[in-house]
Amino acid sequence: MLYMFKPITELKCRKTKNVFKTLMEYWLQQRRHTRKHIAAFPEKQLFAYTIGKIPSFGDMALEQAFISGPGIRQLATGIDDTLNVNRQKYRSKNTLLGLWDHSTVQIEYYAAEIDTNAGNGNIRLQHQLFASLDDALWYFLKQETALSCYGNTYLNVMEVSPPLP
């Protein structure tokens, strides 16, 4: 089987000494790949093209950008300040890419601030409950991976070559 990335499984990840660091590396790698999908989309189809009742890829990427940065900031600071902003002003490829880059910088900055040695009790993150910090990071990583898969699907259906990792 051909993998775009080195495959990661929860079991493999949990065997490493620093699970948090491993998850962050994979998450940031996946974000870079998802950014390539956003850049590969034709401008007119990014927010307009849908398959069935699935939202447009641009809308899904916008949602991911709005939850990722604030989510990792909440893990670092404990402050839930999920953005409630007018998303209409971000409905162009350039503004979405700028927001994507900004949230990636937030992720990198706040990841360094997270105390990985703190107790792994229940974590409430953006109105969801996670058993541990690692579980919360798995959530973000899985969301990012799913978004990248949607990007591949949409681009293939539109007969645009998806980007390589």
Protein backbone atom coordinates (compact mmCIF):
# COMPACT_ATOMS: atom_id res chain seq x y z
CA MET A 1 0.00 0.00 0.00
CA LEU A 2 1.31 3.45 -0.92
CA TYR A 3 1.23 6.04 1.86
CA MET A 4 1.63 9.76 1.30
CA PHE A 5 3.18 10.06 4.74
CA LYS A 6 4.87 7.63 7.02
CA PRO A 7 1.84 5.91 8.58
CA ILE A 8 1.15 6.71 12.20
CA THR A 9 -1.03 4.69 14.47
CA GLU A 10 -2.07 5.35 18.02
CA LEU A 11 -0.20 2.24 19.14
CA LYS A 12 3.02 3.29 17.38
CA CYS A 13 2.71 6.83 18.73
CA ARG A 14 2.09 5.72 22.30
CA LYS A 15 5.30 3.64 22.20
CA THR A 16 7.42 6.74 21.66
CA LYS A 17 8.88 8.56 24.63
CA ASN A 18 7.35 11.91 23.75
CA VAL A 19 3.84 11.35 22.42
CA PHE A 20 3.06 15.07 22.40
CA LYS A 21 6.09 15.93 20.25
CA THR A 22 5.32 13.10 17.81
CA LEU A 23 1.70 14.16 17.44
CA MET A 24 2.69 17.79 16.90
CA GLU A 25 5.15 16.81 14.15
CA TYR A 26 2.50 14.79 12.32
CA TRP A 27 -0.13 17.47 12.79
CA LEU A 28 2.10 20.21 11.38
CA GLN A 29 3.12 17.94 8.51
CA GLN A 30 -0.56 17.35 7.73
CA ARG A 31 -1.29 21.11 7.94
CA ARG A 32 1.43 21.82 5.36
CA HIS A 33 -0.13 19.25 3.04
CA THR A 34 -3.66 20.61 3.57
CA ARG A 35 -2.36 24.09 2.74
CA LYS A 36 -1.17 22.73 -0.60
CA HIS A 37 -4.72 21.51 -1.24
CA ILE A 38 -6.13 24.98 -0.53
CA ALA A 39 -3.56 26.54 -2.88
CA ALA A 40 -4.33 23.98 -5.61
CA PHE A 41 -8.06 24.77 -5.66
CA PRO A 42 -9.36 27.00 -8.43
CA GLU A 43 -10.43 30.30 -6.85
CA LYS A 44 -14.02 30.13 -8.11
CA GLN A 45 -14.63 26.57 -6.88
CA LEU A 46 -12.99 26.86 -3.44
CA PHE A 47 -16.16 28.07 -1.71
CA ALA A 48 -18.72 27.23 -4.39
CA TYR A 49 -18.09 23.61 -5.40
CA THR A 50 -19.85 20.98 -3.31
CA ILE A 51 -20.54 17.27 -3.64
CA GLY A 52 -24.05 16.39 -2.56
CA LYS A 53 -24.78 17.92 0.83
CA ILE A 54 -21.11 18.09 1.88
CA PRO A 55 -19.94 21.67 2.44
CA SER A 56 -17.42 23.23 0.08
CA PHE A 57 -13.76 22.51 0.74
CA GLY A 58 -13.19 26.20 1.43
CA ASP A 59 -15.88 26.20 4.14
CA MET A 60 -14.40 23.09 5.76
CA ALA A 61 -10.87 24.56 5.65
CA LEU A 62 -12.14 27.83 7.10
CA GLU A 63 -13.79 25.97 9.98
CA GLN A 64 -10.57 24.03 10.63
CA ALA A 65 -8.53 27.23 10.66
CA PHE A 66 -10.95 28.79 13.14
CA ILE A 67 -10.83 25.84 15.57
CA SER A 68 -7.16 24.82 15.38
CA GLY A 69 -5.40 28.00 16.50
CA PRO A 70 -7.85 28.86 19.30
CA GLY A 71 -8.00 25.18 20.31
CA ILE A 72 -4.26 24.83 20.88
CA ARG A 73 -4.26 28.24 22.59
CA GLN A 74 -6.94 26.93 24.96
CA LEU A 75 -4.82 23.85 25.73
CA ALA A 76 -1.89 26.14 26.59
CA THR A 77 -3.70 28.86 28.53
CA GLY A 78 -7.00 27.33 29.63
CA ILE A 79 -8.89 30.26 28.12
CA ASP A 80 -11.71 29.37 25.72
CA ASP A 81 -11.88 32.22 23.25
CA THR A 82 -13.22 30.45 20.22
CA LEU A 83 -13.63 33.02 17.50
CA ASN A 84 -17.10 34.23 16.66
CA VAL A 85 -16.32 36.38 13.65
CA ASN A 86 -17.93 37.28 10.38
CA ARG A 87 -16.57 34.52 8.18
CA GLN A 88 -17.77 36.16 4.97
CA LYS A 89 -14.66 38.36 4.86
CA TYR A 90 -12.45 35.24 4.66
CA ARG A 91 -14.16 33.78 1.58
CA SER A 92 -11.31 34.19 -0.89
CA LYS A 93 -8.33 31.95 -1.47
CA ASN A 94 -5.75 34.55 -0.40
CA THR A 95 -7.50 35.46 2.84
CA LEU A 96 -8.06 31.78 3.65
CA LEU A 97 -4.37 31.02 3.04
CA GLY A 98 -3.43 33.98 5.25
CA LEU A 99 -5.74 32.75 8.01
CA TRP A 100 -4.36 29.22 7.59
CA ASP A 101 -0.80 30.48 7.97
CA HIS A 102 -1.76 32.57 10.99
CA SER A 103 -3.41 29.62 12.74
CA THR A 104 -0.36 27.45 11.97
CA VAL A 105 1.89 30.06 13.63
CA GLN A 106 -0.48 30.04 16.64
CA ILE A 107 -0.26 26.24 16.82
CA GLU A 108 3.54 26.28 16.73
CA TYR A 109 3.75 29.08 19.33
CA TYR A 110 1.23 27.70 21.83
CA ALA A 111 2.40 24.10 21.46
CA ALA A 112 5.69 25.19 23.03
CA GLU A 113 3.72 26.68 25.95
CA ILE A 114 1.76 23.52 26.79
CA ASP A 115 2.83 21.78 29.98
CA THR A 116 3.05 18.16 28.85
CA ASN A 117 3.98 17.03 32.36
CA ALA A 118 0.71 18.26 33.87
CA GLY A 119 -1.82 15.68 34.94
CA ASN A 120 -3.82 14.09 32.17
CA GLY A 121 -7.25 14.49 33.72
CA ASN A 122 -10.35 15.34 31.77
CA ILE A 123 -9.80 18.22 29.38
CA ARG A 124 -12.69 20.36 28.18
CA LEU A 125 -11.80 21.81 24.81
CA GLN A 126 -14.20 23.83 22.69
CA HIS A 127 -17.23 22.30 24.43
CA GLN A 128 -15.97 18.72 24.07
CA LEU A 129 -14.51 16.48 26.75
CA PHE A 130 -11.23 14.61 26.20
CA ALA A 131 -9.57 12.13 28.54
CA SER A 132 -6.07 13.52 28.01
CA LEU A 133 -3.93 16.04 26.18
CA ASP A 134 -2.92 13.32 23.72
CA ASP A 135 -6.59 12.60 22.95
CA ALA A 136 -7.21 16.28 22.25
CA LEU A 137 -4.25 16.36 19.85
CA TRP A 138 -5.47 13.17 18.16
CA TYR A 139 -8.77 14.96 17.59
CA PHE A 140 -7.05 17.84 15.78
CA LEU A 141 -4.82 15.48 13.80
CA LYS A 142 -7.78 13.36 12.68
CA GLN A 143 -9.75 16.47 11.66
CA GLU A 144 -6.79 17.70 9.64
CA THR A 145 -6.34 14.32 7.94
CA ALA A 146 -10.03 14.13 7.05
CA LEU A 147 -9.90 17.64 5.58
CA SER A 148 -6.93 16.69 3.43
CA CYS A 149 -8.83 13.62 2.20
CA TYR A 150 -11.81 15.80 1.30
CA GLY A 151 -9.42 18.07 -0.59
CA ASN A 152 -8.10 15.10 -2.59
CA THR A 153 -11.63 13.95 -3.36
CA TYR A 154 -12.87 17.36 -4.48
CA LEU A 155 -9.81 17.99 -6.64
CA ASN A 156 -10.06 14.55 -8.27
CA VAL A 157 -13.76 15.04 -9.04
CA MET A 158 -12.98 18.45 -10.58
CA GLU A 159 -10.17 16.74 -12.57
CA VAL A 160 -7.46 18.84 -10.92
CA SER A 161 -4.33 16.97 -9.86
CA PRO A 162 -4.07 16.88 -6.07
CA PRO A 163 -0.74 18.05 -4.64
CA LEU A 164 1.90 15.60 -3.59
CA PRO A 165 3.19 15.75 -0.02
